[in-house]
PDB file of all heavy atoms in Angstrom:
ATOM      1  N   GLU A   1     126.298  39.625 137.187  1.00  0.00           N
ATOM      2  CA  GLU A   1     126.193  39.876 138.626  1.00  0.00           C
ATOM      3  C   GLU A   1     127.537  39.759 139.344  1.00  0.00           C
ATOM      4  O   GLU A   1     127.924  40.642 140.109  1.00  0.00           O
ATOM      5  CB  GLU A   1     125.176  38.934 139.277  1.00  0.00           C
ATOM      6  CG  GLU A   1     125.019  39.219 140.766  1.00  0.00           C
ATOM      7  CD  GLU A   1     123.822  38.513 141.384  1.00  0.00           C
ATOM      8  OE1 GLU A   1     122.725  38.572 140.792  1.00  0.00           O
ATOM      9  OE2 GLU A   1     123.997  37.913 142.457  1.00  0.00           O
ATOM     10  N   MET A   2     128.244  38.673 139.119  1.00  0.00           N
ATOM     11  CA  MET A   2     129.533  38.488 139.793  1.00  0.00           C
ATOM     12  C   MET A   2     130.538  39.560 139.368  1.00  0.00           C
ATOM     13  O   MET A   2     131.372  39.997 140.166  1.00  0.00           O
ATOM     14  CB  MET A   2     130.088  37.098 139.501  1.00  0.00           C
ATOM     15  CG  MET A   2     129.297  35.961 140.118  1.00  0.00           C
ATOM     16  SD  MET A   2     129.359  35.919 141.925  1.00  0.00           S
ATOM     17  CE  MET A   2     131.022  35.322 142.207  1.00  0.00           C
ATOM     18  N   ILE A   3     130.451  39.997 138.119  1.00  0.00           N
ATOM     19  CA  ILE A   3     131.349  41.042 137.622  1.00  0.00           C
ATOM     20  C   ILE A   3     131.075  42.362 138.337  1.00  0.00           C
ATOM     21  O   ILE A   3     132.001  43.074 138.756  1.00  0.00           O
ATOM     22  CB  ILE A   3     131.201  41.223 136.099  1.00  0.00           C
ATOM     23  CG1 ILE A   3     131.570  39.924 135.365  1.00  0.00           C
ATOM     24  CG2 ILE A   3     132.055  42.387 135.613  1.00  0.00           C
ATOM     25  CD1 ILE A   3     133.001  39.501 135.548  1.00  0.00           C
ATOM     26  N   VAL A   4     129.794  42.714 138.480  1.00  0.00           N
ATOM     27  CA  VAL A   4     129.415  43.947 139.172  1.00  0.00           C
ATOM     28  C   VAL A   4     129.906  43.925 140.612  1.00  0.00           C
ATOM     29  O   VAL A   4     130.493  44.903 141.110  1.00  0.00           O
ATOM     30  CB  VAL A   4     127.880  44.145 139.123  1.00  0.00           C
ATOM     31  CG1 VAL A   4     127.452  45.246 140.096  1.00  0.00           C
ATOM     32  CG2 VAL A   4     127.428  44.497 137.711  1.00  0.00           C
ATOM     33  N   VAL A   5     129.668  42.801 141.285  1.00  0.00           N
ATOM     34  CA  VAL A   5     130.104  42.677 142.682  1.00  0.00           C
ATOM     35  C   VAL A   5     131.623  42.774 142.782  1.00  0.00           C
ATOM     36  O   VAL A   5     132.168  43.437 143.674  1.00  0.00           O
ATOM     37  CB  VAL A   5     129.608  41.345 143.281  1.00  0.00           C
ATOM     38  CG1 VAL A   5     130.220  41.108 144.671  1.00  0.00           C
ATOM     39  CG2 VAL A   5     128.083  41.333 143.376  1.00  0.00           C
ATOM     40  N   HIS A   6     132.317  42.135 141.849  1.00  0.00           N
ATOM     41  CA  HIS A   6     133.780  42.110 141.883  1.00  0.00           C
ATOM     42  C   HIS A   6     134.382  43.486 141.598  1.00  0.00           C
ATOM     43  O   HIS A   6     135.303  43.926 142.307  1.00  0.00           O
ATOM     44  CB  HIS A   6     134.297  41.096 140.859  1.00  0.00           C
ATOM     45  CG  HIS A   6     135.777  41.094 140.692  1.00  0.00           C
ATOM     46  ND1 HIS A   6     136.643  40.700 141.690  1.00  0.00           N
ATOM     47  CD2 HIS A   6     136.565  41.455 139.636  1.00  0.00           C
ATOM     48  CE1 HIS A   6     137.893  40.800 141.263  1.00  0.00           C
ATOM     49  NE2 HIS A   6     137.873  41.261 140.024  1.00  0.00           N
ATOM     50  N   LEU A   7     133.862  44.175 140.594  1.00  0.00           N
ATOM     51  CA  LEU A   7     134.459  45.449 140.185  1.00  0.00           C
ATOM     52  C   LEU A   7     134.034  46.623 141.056  1.00  0.00           C
ATOM     53  O   LEU A   7     134.836  47.521 141.341  1.00  0.00           O
ATOM     54  CB  LEU A   7     134.107  45.749 138.723  1.00  0.00           C
ATOM     55  CG  LEU A   7     134.705  44.817 137.659  1.00  0.00           C
ATOM     56  CD1 LEU A   7     134.237  45.231 136.275  1.00  0.00           C
ATOM     57  CD2 LEU A   7     136.238  44.826 137.722  1.00  0.00           C
ATOM     58  N   TRP A   8     132.800  46.637 141.498  1.00  0.00           N
ATOM     59  CA  TRP A   8     132.253  47.806 142.180  1.00  0.00           C
ATOM     60  C   TRP A   8     131.900  47.572 143.643  1.00  0.00           C
ATOM     61  O   TRP A   8     131.631  48.522 144.370  1.00  0.00           O
ATOM     62  CB  TRP A   8     130.999  48.305 141.450  1.00  0.00           C
ATOM     63  CG  TRP A   8     131.271  48.774 140.058  1.00  0.00           C
ATOM     64  CD1 TRP A   8     132.478  49.157 139.528  1.00  0.00           C
ATOM     65  CD2 TRP A   8     130.310  48.929 139.009  1.00  0.00           C
ATOM     66  NE1 TRP A   8     132.332  49.536 138.218  1.00  0.00           N
ATOM     67  CE2 TRP A   8     131.015  49.407 137.860  1.00  0.00           C
ATOM     68  CE3 TRP A   8     128.944  48.723 138.897  1.00  0.00           C
ATOM     69  CZ2 TRP A   8     130.377  49.669 136.658  1.00  0.00           C
ATOM     70  CZ3 TRP A   8     128.304  48.985 137.696  1.00  0.00           C
ATOM     71  CH2 TRP A   8     129.015  49.444 136.593  1.00  0.00           C
ATOM     72  N   GLY A   9     131.872  46.314 144.064  1.00  0.00           N
ATOM     73  CA  GLY A   9     131.381  45.998 145.403  1.00  0.00           C
ATOM     74  C   GLY A   9     132.090  46.719 146.526  1.00  0.00           C
ATOM     75  O   GLY A   9     131.474  47.039 147.551  1.00  0.00           O
ATOM     76  N   HIS A  10     133.382  46.983 146.368  1.00  0.00           N
ATOM     77  CA  HIS A  10     134.153  47.641 147.420  1.00  0.00           C
ATOM     78  C   HIS A  10     134.323  49.135 147.189  1.00  0.00           C
ATOM     79  O   HIS A  10     134.947  49.820 147.990  1.00  0.00           O
ATOM     80  CB  HIS A  10     135.533  46.982 147.541  1.00  0.00           C
ATOM     81  CG  HIS A  10     135.469  45.554 147.968  1.00  0.00           C
ATOM     82  ND1 HIS A  10     135.269  45.192 149.283  1.00  0.00           N
ATOM     83  CD2 HIS A  10     135.552  44.398 147.269  1.00  0.00           C
ATOM     84  CE1 HIS A  10     135.256  43.868 149.378  1.00  0.00           C
ATOM     85  NE2 HIS A  10     135.425  43.370 148.174  1.00  0.00           N
ATOM     86  N   LYS A  11     133.768  49.639 146.094  1.00  0.00           N
ATOM     87  CA  LYS A  11     133.944  51.052 145.771  1.00  0.00           C
ATOM     88  C   LYS A  11     132.795  51.922 146.275  1.00  0.00           C
ATOM     89  O   LYS A  11     132.933  53.126 146.382  1.00  0.00           O
ATOM     90  CB  LYS A  11     134.091  51.228 144.254  1.00  0.00           C
ATOM     91  CG  LYS A  11     135.362  50.596 143.689  1.00  0.00           C
ATOM     92  CD  LYS A  11     135.478  50.851 142.191  1.00  0.00           C
ATOM     93  CE  LYS A  11     136.758  50.242 141.636  1.00  0.00           C
ATOM     94  NZ  LYS A  11     136.906  50.468 140.181  1.00  0.00           N
ATOM     95  N   PHE A  12     131.649  51.308 146.548  1.00  0.00           N
ATOM     96  CA  PHE A  12     130.485  52.058 146.995  1.00  0.00           C
ATOM     97  C   PHE A  12     129.898  51.387 148.227  1.00  0.00           C
ATOM     98  O   PHE A  12     130.132  50.200 148.483  1.00  0.00           O
ATOM     99  CB  PHE A  12     129.420  52.130 145.892  1.00  0.00           C
ATOM    100  CG  PHE A  12     129.903  52.755 144.617  1.00  0.00           C
ATOM    101  CD1 PHE A  12     130.378  51.972 143.580  1.00  0.00           C
ATOM    102  CD2 PHE A  12     129.879  54.131 144.462  1.00  0.00           C
ATOM    103  CE1 PHE A  12     130.823  52.542 142.402  1.00  0.00           C
ATOM    104  CE2 PHE A  12     130.322  54.713 143.287  1.00  0.00           C
ATOM    105  CZ  PHE A  12     130.798  53.919 142.256  1.00  0.00           C
ATOM    106  N   LYS A  13     129.117  52.144 148.980  1.00  0.00           N
ATOM    107  CA  LYS A  13     128.427  51.586 150.131  1.00  0.00           C
ATOM    108  C   LYS A  13     127.371  50.588 149.679  1.00  0.00           C
ATOM    109  O   LYS A  13     126.767  50.717 148.608  1.00  0.00           O
ATOM    110  CB  LYS A  13     127.754  52.702 150.933  1.00  0.00           C
ATOM    111  CG  LYS A  13     128.702  53.826 151.364  1.00  0.00           C
ATOM    112  CD  LYS A  13     129.759  53.343 152.328  1.00  0.00           C
ATOM    113  CE  LYS A  13     130.599  54.510 152.847  1.00  0.00           C
ATOM    114  NZ  LYS A  13     131.633  54.082 153.787  1.00  0.00           N
ATOM    115  N   VAL A  14     127.130  49.588 150.525  1.00  0.00           N
ATOM    116  CA  VAL A  14     126.173  48.537 150.182  1.00  0.00           C
ATOM    117  C   VAL A  14     124.790  49.112 149.902  1.00  0.00           C
ATOM    118  O   VAL A  14     124.127  48.745 148.926  1.00  0.00           O
ATOM    119  CB  VAL A  14     126.096  47.498 151.331  1.00  0.00           C
ATOM    120  CG1 VAL A  14     124.930  46.545 151.129  1.00  0.00           C
ATOM    121  CG2 VAL A  14     127.402  46.712 151.416  1.00  0.00           C
ATOM    122  N   MET A  15     124.336  50.039 150.743  1.00  0.00           N
ATOM    123  CA  MET A  15     122.992  50.582 150.562  1.00  0.00           C
ATOM    124  C   MET A  15     122.868  51.432 149.297  1.00  0.00           C
ATOM    125  O   MET A  15     121.763  51.624 148.787  1.00  0.00           O
ATOM    126  CB  MET A  15     122.597  51.411 151.784  1.00  0.00           C
ATOM    127  CG  MET A  15     122.193  50.585 152.995  1.00  0.00           C
ATOM    128  SD  MET A  15     120.685  49.623 152.724  1.00  0.00           S
ATOM    129  CE  MET A  15     119.456  50.904 152.717  1.00  0.00           C
ATOM    130  N   THR A  16     123.978  51.917 148.783  1.00  0.00           N
ATOM    131  CA  THR A  16     123.937  52.655 147.519  1.00  0.00           C
ATOM    132  C   THR A  16     123.430  51.772 146.392  1.00  0.00           C
ATOM    133  O   THR A  16     122.613  52.191 145.567  1.00  0.00           O
ATOM    134  CB  THR A  16     125.339  53.192 147.165  1.00  0.00           C
ATOM    135  OG1 THR A  16     125.797  54.034 148.217  1.00  0.00           O
ATOM    136  CG2 THR A  16     125.303  53.984 145.862  1.00  0.00           C
ATOM    137  N   PHE A  17     123.903  50.534 146.362  1.00  0.00           N
ATOM    138  CA  PHE A  17     123.455  49.582 145.343  1.00  0.00           C
ATOM    139  C   PHE A  17     121.971  49.258 145.510  1.00  0.00           C
ATOM    140  O   PHE A  17     121.229  49.156 144.531  1.00  0.00           O
ATOM    141  CB  PHE A  17     124.272  48.291 145.430  1.00  0.00           C
ATOM    142  CG  PHE A  17     125.697  48.435 144.980  1.00  0.00           C
ATOM    143  CD1 PHE A  17     126.721  48.591 145.899  1.00  0.00           C
ATOM    144  CD2 PHE A  17     126.012  48.417 143.630  1.00  0.00           C
ATOM    145  CE1 PHE A  17     128.034  48.734 145.488  1.00  0.00           C
ATOM    146  CE2 PHE A  17     127.323  48.557 143.204  1.00  0.00           C
ATOM    147  CZ  PHE A  17     128.346  48.718 144.137  1.00  0.00           C
ATOM    148  N   VAL A  18     121.534  49.078 146.752  1.00  0.00           N
ATOM    149  CA  VAL A  18     120.132  48.741 147.015  1.00  0.00           C
ATOM    150  C   VAL A  18     119.216  49.873 146.555  1.00  0.00           C
ATOM    151  O   VAL A  18     118.183  49.647 145.917  1.00  0.00           O
ATOM    152  CB  VAL A  18     119.924  48.439 148.517  1.00  0.00           C
ATOM    153  CG1 VAL A  18     118.451  48.151 148.803  1.00  0.00           C
ATOM    154  CG2 VAL A  18     120.789  47.258 148.955  1.00  0.00           C
ATOM    155  N   ILE A  19     119.590  51.106 146.895  1.00  0.00           N
ATOM    156  CA  ILE A  19     118.786  52.269 146.485  1.00  0.00           C
ATOM    157  C   ILE A  19     118.722  52.371 144.969  1.00  0.00           C
ATOM    158  O   ILE A  19     117.642  52.581 144.386  1.00  0.00           O
ATOM    159  CB  ILE A  19     119.380  53.559 147.098  1.00  0.00           C
ATOM    160  CG1 ILE A  19     119.236  53.546 148.614  1.00  0.00           C
ATOM    161  CG2 ILE A  19     118.700  54.797 146.508  1.00  0.00           C
ATOM    162  CD1 ILE A  19     120.056  54.607 149.323  1.00  0.00           C
ATOM    163  N   PHE A  20     119.851  52.239 144.322  1.00  0.00           N
ATOM    164  CA  PHE A  20     119.907  52.342 142.857  1.00  0.00           C
ATOM    165  C   PHE A  20     119.103  51.212 142.204  1.00  0.00           C
ATOM    166  O   PHE A  20     118.375  51.433 141.231  1.00  0.00           O
ATOM    167  CB  PHE A  20     121.360  52.301 142.397  1.00  0.00           C
ATOM    168  CG  PHE A  20     121.541  52.584 140.932  1.00  0.00           C
ATOM    169  CD1 PHE A  20     121.057  53.752 140.352  1.00  0.00           C
ATOM    170  CD2 PHE A  20     122.192  51.675 140.118  1.00  0.00           C
ATOM    171  CE1 PHE A  20     121.215  54.014 138.998  1.00  0.00           C
ATOM    172  CE2 PHE A  20     122.362  51.917 138.761  1.00  0.00           C
ATOM    173  CZ  PHE A  20     121.872  53.095 138.202  1.00  0.00           C
ATOM    174  N   GLY A  21     119.209  50.002 142.745  1.00  0.00           N
ATOM    175  CA  GLY A  21     118.452  48.877 142.205  1.00  0.00           C
ATOM    176  C   GLY A  21     116.954  49.085 142.325  1.00  0.00           C
ATOM    177  O   GLY A  21     116.192  48.771 141.401  1.00  0.00           O
ATOM    178  N   ALA A  22     116.508  49.629 143.460  1.00  0.00           N
ATOM    179  CA  ALA A  22     115.081  49.903 143.652  1.00  0.00           C
ATOM    180  C   ALA A  22     114.579  50.947 142.659  1.00  0.00           C
ATOM    181  O   ALA A  22     113.461  50.847 142.137  1.00  0.00           O
ATOM    182  CB  ALA A  22     114.827  50.364 145.089  1.00  0.00           C
ATOM    183  N   ALA A  23     115.401  51.973 142.392  1.00  0.00           N
ATOM    184  CA  ALA A  23     115.014  53.002 141.418  1.00  0.00           C
ATOM    185  C   ALA A  23     114.917  52.420 140.009  1.00  0.00           C
ATOM    186  O   ALA A  23     113.957  52.693 139.275  1.00  0.00           O
ATOM    187  CB  ALA A  23     116.025  54.150 141.456  1.00  0.00           C
ATOM    188  N   LEU A  24     115.884  51.600 139.621  1.00  0.00           N
ATOM    189  CA  LEU A  24     115.836  50.945 138.305  1.00  0.00           C
ATOM    190  C   LEU A  24     114.606  50.053 138.181  1.00  0.00           C
ATOM    191  O   LEU A  24     113.999  49.951 137.109  1.00  0.00           O
ATOM    192  CB  LEU A  24     117.090  50.103 138.090  1.00  0.00           C
ATOM    193  CG  LEU A  24     118.373  50.814 137.685  1.00  0.00           C
ATOM    194  CD1 LEU A  24     119.489  49.799 137.487  1.00  0.00           C
ATOM    195  CD2 LEU A  24     118.179  51.634 136.419  1.00  0.00           C
ATOM    196  N   ASN A  25     114.231  49.412 139.274  1.00  0.00           N
ATOM    197  CA  ASN A  25     113.066  48.533 139.301  1.00  0.00           C
ATOM    198  C   ASN A  25     111.809  49.287 138.880  1.00  0.00           C
ATOM    199  O   ASN A  25     111.009  48.795 138.074  1.00  0.00           O
ATOM    200  CB  ASN A  25     112.913  47.972 140.720  1.00  0.00           C
ATOM    201  CG  ASN A  25     111.985  46.781 140.796  1.00  0.00           C
ATOM    202  OD1 ASN A  25     111.903  45.970 139.875  1.00  0.00           O
ATOM    203  ND2 ASN A  25     111.296  46.662 141.915  1.00  0.00           N
ATOM    204  N   GLY A  26     111.639  50.499 139.414  1.00  0.00           N
ATOM    205  CA  GLY A  26     110.486  51.305 139.039  1.00  0.00           C
ATOM    206  C   GLY A  26     110.571  51.842 137.629  1.00  0.00           C
ATOM    207  O   GLY A  26     109.591  51.810 136.871  1.00  0.00           O
ATOM    208  N   LEU A  27     111.736  52.333 137.228  1.00  0.00           N
ATOM    209  CA  LEU A  27     111.916  52.901 135.896  1.00  0.00           C
ATOM    210  C   LEU A  27     111.693  51.871 134.795  1.00  0.00           C
ATOM    211  O   LEU A  27     111.178  52.195 133.716  1.00  0.00           O
ATOM    212  CB  LEU A  27     113.321  53.494 135.772  1.00  0.00           C
ATOM    213  CG  LEU A  27     113.587  54.769 136.574  1.00  0.00           C
ATOM    214  CD1 LEU A  27     115.066  55.144 136.509  1.00  0.00           C
ATOM    215  CD2 LEU A  27     112.719  55.924 136.073  1.00  0.00           C
ATOM    216  N   ALA A  28     112.072  50.627 135.045  1.00  0.00           N
ATOM    217  CA  ALA A  28     111.926  49.569 134.038  1.00  0.00           C
ATOM    218  C   ALA A  28     110.465  49.359 133.654  1.00  0.00           C
ATOM    219  O   ALA A  28     110.156  49.042 132.492  1.00  0.00           O
ATOM    220  CB  ALA A  28     112.524  48.263 134.563  1.00  0.00           C
ATOM    221  N   TYR A  29     109.549  49.531 134.617  1.00  0.00           N
ATOM    222  CA  TYR A  29     108.120  49.389 134.319  1.00  0.00           C
ATOM    223  C   TYR A  29     107.529  50.692 133.803  1.00  0.00           C
ATOM    224  O   TYR A  29     106.676  50.694 132.914  1.00  0.00           O
ATOM    225  CB  TYR A  29     107.362  48.935 135.572  1.00  0.00           C
ATOM    226  CG  TYR A  29     107.631  47.500 135.950  1.00  0.00           C
ATOM    227  CD1 TYR A  29     108.447  47.187 137.022  1.00  0.00           C
ATOM    228  CD2 TYR A  29     107.086  46.449 135.213  1.00  0.00           C
ATOM    229  CE1 TYR A  29     108.699  45.877 137.375  1.00  0.00           C
ATOM    230  CE2 TYR A  29     107.334  45.130 135.546  1.00  0.00           C
ATOM    231  CZ  TYR A  29     108.143  44.856 136.627  1.00  0.00           C
ATOM    232  OH  TYR A  29     108.400  43.548 136.963  1.00  0.00           O
ATOM    233  N   LEU A  30     107.980  51.808 134.374  1.00  0.00           N
ATOM    234  CA  LEU A  30     107.423  53.111 133.996  1.00  0.00           C
ATOM    235  C   LEU A  30     107.618  53.386 132.505  1.00  0.00           C
ATOM    236  O   LEU A  30     106.737  53.950 131.842  1.00  0.00           O
ATOM    237  CB  LEU A  30     108.097  54.202 134.825  1.00  0.00           C
ATOM    238  CG  LEU A  30     107.407  55.560 134.900  1.00  0.00           C
ATOM    239  CD1 LEU A  30     106.013  55.432 135.503  1.00  0.00           C
ATOM    240  CD2 LEU A  30     108.257  56.525 135.718  1.00  0.00           C
ATOM    241  N   MET A  31     108.751  52.965 131.952  1.00  0.00           N
ATOM    242  CA  MET A  31     109.044  53.253 130.552  1.00  0.00           C
ATOM    243  C   MET A  31     108.133  52.490 129.589  1.00  0.00           C
ATOM    244  O   MET A  31     107.990  52.876 128.432  1.00  0.00           O
ATOM    245  CB  MET A  31     110.510  52.917 130.248  1.00  0.00           C
ATOM    246  CG  MET A  31     110.856  51.450 130.356  1.00  0.00           C
ATOM    247  SD  MET A  31     112.640  51.145 130.156  1.00  0.00           S
ATOM    248  CE  MET A  31     112.910  51.758 128.494  1.00  0.00           C
ATOM    249  N   LEU A  32     107.466  51.444 130.062  1.00  0.00           N
ATOM    250  CA  LEU A  32     106.594  50.660 129.189  1.00  0.00           C
ATOM    251  C   LEU A  32     105.312  51.403 128.823  1.00  0.00           C
ATOM    252  O   LEU A  32     104.590  50.991 127.915  1.00  0.00           O
ATOM    253  CB  LEU A  32     106.239  49.325 129.860  1.00  0.00           C
ATOM    254  CG  LEU A  32     107.398  48.350 130.073  1.00  0.00           C
ATOM    255  CD1 LEU A  32     106.939  47.132 130.860  1.00  0.00           C
ATOM    256  CD2 LEU A  32     107.996  47.923 128.738  1.00  0.00           C
ATOM    257  N   ILE A  33     105.022  52.497 129.518  1.00  0.00           N
ATOM    258  CA  ILE A  33     103.796  53.247 129.248  1.00  0.00           C
ATOM    259  C   ILE A  33     103.906  54.067 127.964  1.00  0.00           C
ATOM    260  O   ILE A  33     102.934  54.237 127.234  1.00  0.00           O
ATOM    261  CB  ILE A  33     103.484  54.198 130.426  1.00  0.00           C
ATOM    262  CG1 ILE A  33     103.243  53.395 131.708  1.00  0.00           C
ATOM    263  CG2 ILE A  33     102.282  55.085 130.116  1.00  0.00           C
ATOM    264  CD1 ILE A  33     103.042  54.278 132.932  1.00  0.00           C
ATOM    265  N   PHE A  34     105.083  54.571 127.652  1.00  0.00           N
ATOM    266  CA  PHE A  34     105.210  55.678 126.706  1.00  0.00           C
ATOM    267  C   PHE A  34     105.231  55.287 125.234  1.00  0.00           C
ATOM    268  O   PHE A  34     104.812  56.053 124.377  1.00  0.00           O
ATOM    269  CB  PHE A  34     106.459  56.480 127.052  1.00  0.00           C
ATOM    270  CG  PHE A  34     106.396  57.061 128.434  1.00  0.00           C
ATOM    271  CD1 PHE A  34     107.161  56.537 129.464  1.00  0.00           C
ATOM    272  CD2 PHE A  34     105.540  58.117 128.717  1.00  0.00           C
ATOM    273  CE1 PHE A  34     107.086  57.069 130.746  1.00  0.00           C
ATOM    274  CE2 PHE A  34     105.454  58.652 129.988  1.00  0.00           C
ATOM    275  CZ  PHE A  34     106.231  58.117 131.001  1.00  0.00           C
ATOM    276  N   THR A  35     105.733  54.123 124.900  1.00  0.00           N
ATOM    277  CA  THR A  35     105.774  53.737 123.491  1.00  0.00           C
ATOM    278  C   THR A  35     105.812  52.225 123.382  1.00  0.00           C
ATOM    279  O   THR A  35     106.065  51.517 124.358  1.00  0.00           O
ATOM    280  CB  THR A  35     107.015  54.337 122.793  1.00  0.00           C
ATOM    281  OG1 THR A  35     106.967  54.028 121.399  1.00  0.00           O
ATOM    282  CG2 THR A  35     108.303  53.775 123.381  1.00  0.00           C
ATOM    283  N   HIS A  36     105.526  51.707 122.185  1.00  0.00           N
ATOM    284  CA  HIS A  36     105.510  50.276 121.940  1.00  0.00           C
ATOM    285  C   HIS A  36     106.576  49.916 120.906  1.00  0.00           C
ATOM    286  O   HIS A  36     106.533  50.382 119.777  1.00  0.00           O
ATOM    287  CB  HIS A  36     104.126  49.829 121.425  1.00  0.00           C
ATOM    288  CG  HIS A  36     103.131  49.615 122.512  1.00  0.00           C
ATOM    289  ND1 HIS A  36     102.828  50.574 123.436  1.00  0.00           N
ATOM    290  CD2 HIS A  36     102.365  48.525 122.821  1.00  0.00           C
ATOM    291  CE1 HIS A  36     101.907  50.101 124.271  1.00  0.00           C
ATOM    292  NE2 HIS A  36     101.613  48.860 123.923  1.00  0.00           N
TER     293      HIS A  36
END
């Protein structure tokens, strides 16, 4: 976490991270449907 904030925190808009995190949140569960 601290590495991500340090390396990328000033390179992108704050809301860009929030949007991307929300999308990953959904994808992480969606992928559990398809295979074991």
